[in-house]
Amino acid sequence: MPEHVSIYQSLGVSLLILVALAWTFGLAYMLRRGRFEAAVRRAGGRTLSALPHQRQAGPHREYVELTPAEQDAFAGLVRQLGGGR
């Protein structure tokens, strides 16, 4: 501790830092808690309005019939990639 700083000045700075930290954590806690409670209250048991509506079923499937030559080429590709040449 420097010689020109009194013990009261050191204690004052320490106290101010502790008060500032407590205030910051308290404010963050209140804001976070308030937002969560407001979201729950606003939802009222429903989903949140900010979320997009979710589909109940998946998208319909699309498929293309392959010709026998395409099926053979695909089977050859699978064998090649699988290491079974």
Protein backbone atom coordinates (compact mmCIF):
# COMPACT_ATOMS: atom_id res chain seq x y z
CA MET A 1 0.00 0.00 0.00
CA PRO A 2 1.42 3.42 -0.89
CA GLU A 3 2.55 5.55 2.03
CA HIS A 4 0.57 8.64 1.05
CA VAL A 5 -2.80 6.82 1.02
CA SER A 6 -4.56 6.64 4.35
CA ILE A 7 -6.38 3.55 5.59
CA TYR A 8 -9.69 5.42 5.30
CA GLN A 9 -9.10 6.12 1.62
CA SER A 10 -8.30 2.46 0.99
CA LEU A 11 -11.39 1.33 2.88
CA GLY A 12 -13.53 3.90 1.03
CA VAL A 13 -12.39 2.68 -2.38
CA SER A 14 -12.91 -0.94 -1.36
CA LEU A 15 -16.38 -0.18 -0.05
CA LEU A 16 -17.32 1.69 -3.24
CA ILE A 17 -16.14 -1.22 -5.36
CA LEU A 18 -18.15 -3.72 -3.29
CA VAL A 19 -21.27 -1.56 -3.45
CA ALA A 20 -20.90 -1.14 -7.23
CA LEU A 21 -20.50 -4.90 -7.71
CA ALA A 22 -23.50 -5.68 -5.51
CA TRP A 23 -25.60 -3.11 -7.37
CA THR A 24 -24.54 -4.52 -10.76
CA PHE A 25 -25.31 -8.11 -9.81
CA GLY A 26 -28.61 -7.12 -8.21
CA LEU A 27 -29.69 -5.13 -11.26
CA ALA A 28 -28.74 -7.97 -13.62
CA TYR A 29 -30.67 -10.45 -11.47
CA MET A 30 -33.78 -8.28 -11.35
CA LEU A 31 -33.73 -7.60 -15.09
CA ARG A 32 -33.22 -11.25 -15.99
CA ARG A 33 -35.89 -12.42 -13.56
CA GLY A 34 -38.31 -9.73 -14.69
CA ARG A 35 -37.93 -10.66 -18.36
CA PHE A 36 -38.51 -14.35 -17.64
CA GLU A 37 -41.58 -13.70 -15.53
CA ALA A 38 -42.97 -11.26 -18.09
CA ALA A 39 -42.51 -13.83 -20.85
CA VAL A 40 -44.26 -16.51 -18.81
CA ARG A 41 -47.08 -14.14 -17.88
CA ARG A 42 -47.48 -12.98 -21.48
CA ALA A 43 -47.53 -16.56 -22.80
CA GLY A 44 -50.28 -17.60 -20.42
CA GLY A 45 -49.57 -21.29 -20.99
CA ARG A 46 -49.25 -20.84 -24.75
CA THR A 47 -46.09 -20.80 -26.80
CA LEU A 48 -44.23 -17.52 -27.03
CA SER A 49 -45.48 -15.27 -29.79
CA ALA A 50 -41.92 -14.49 -30.88
CA LEU A 51 -41.39 -18.10 -31.94
CA PRO A 52 -42.59 -19.11 -35.41
CA HIS A 53 -45.42 -21.62 -35.66
CA GLN A 54 -44.06 -25.16 -35.81
CA ARG A 55 -45.40 -27.67 -38.28
CA GLN A 56 -47.07 -30.73 -36.81
CA ALA A 57 -46.03 -32.97 -39.70
CA GLY A 58 -42.87 -33.05 -41.74
CA PRO A 59 -42.64 -31.85 -45.31
CA HIS A 60 -44.07 -34.11 -47.97
CA ARG A 61 -41.55 -36.43 -49.52
CA GLU A 62 -40.27 -35.99 -53.03
CA TYR A 63 -38.80 -38.84 -54.98
CA VAL A 64 -37.78 -39.66 -58.51
CA GLU A 65 -37.94 -43.08 -60.09
CA LEU A 66 -34.51 -44.18 -61.31
CA THR A 67 -34.01 -46.06 -64.53
CA PRO A 68 -32.32 -49.47 -64.29
CA ALA A 69 -29.09 -47.96 -65.66
CA GLU A 70 -29.16 -45.24 -63.00
CA GLN A 71 -29.84 -47.82 -60.29
CA ASP A 72 -26.84 -49.87 -61.46
CA ALA A 73 -24.64 -46.75 -61.53
CA PHE A 74 -25.77 -45.83 -58.03
CA ALA A 75 -25.12 -49.36 -56.75
CA GLY A 76 -21.63 -49.21 -58.29
CA LEU A 77 -20.98 -45.86 -56.63
CA VAL A 78 -22.06 -47.22 -53.26
CA ARG A 79 -19.77 -50.24 -53.68
CA GLN A 80 -16.89 -47.97 -54.70
CA LEU A 81 -17.36 -45.63 -51.75
CA GLY A 82 -17.81 -48.57 -49.39
CA GLY A 83 -14.48 -50.03 -50.46
CA GLY A 84 -16.05 -53.19 -51.91
CA ARG A 85 -15.01 -52.52 -55.54
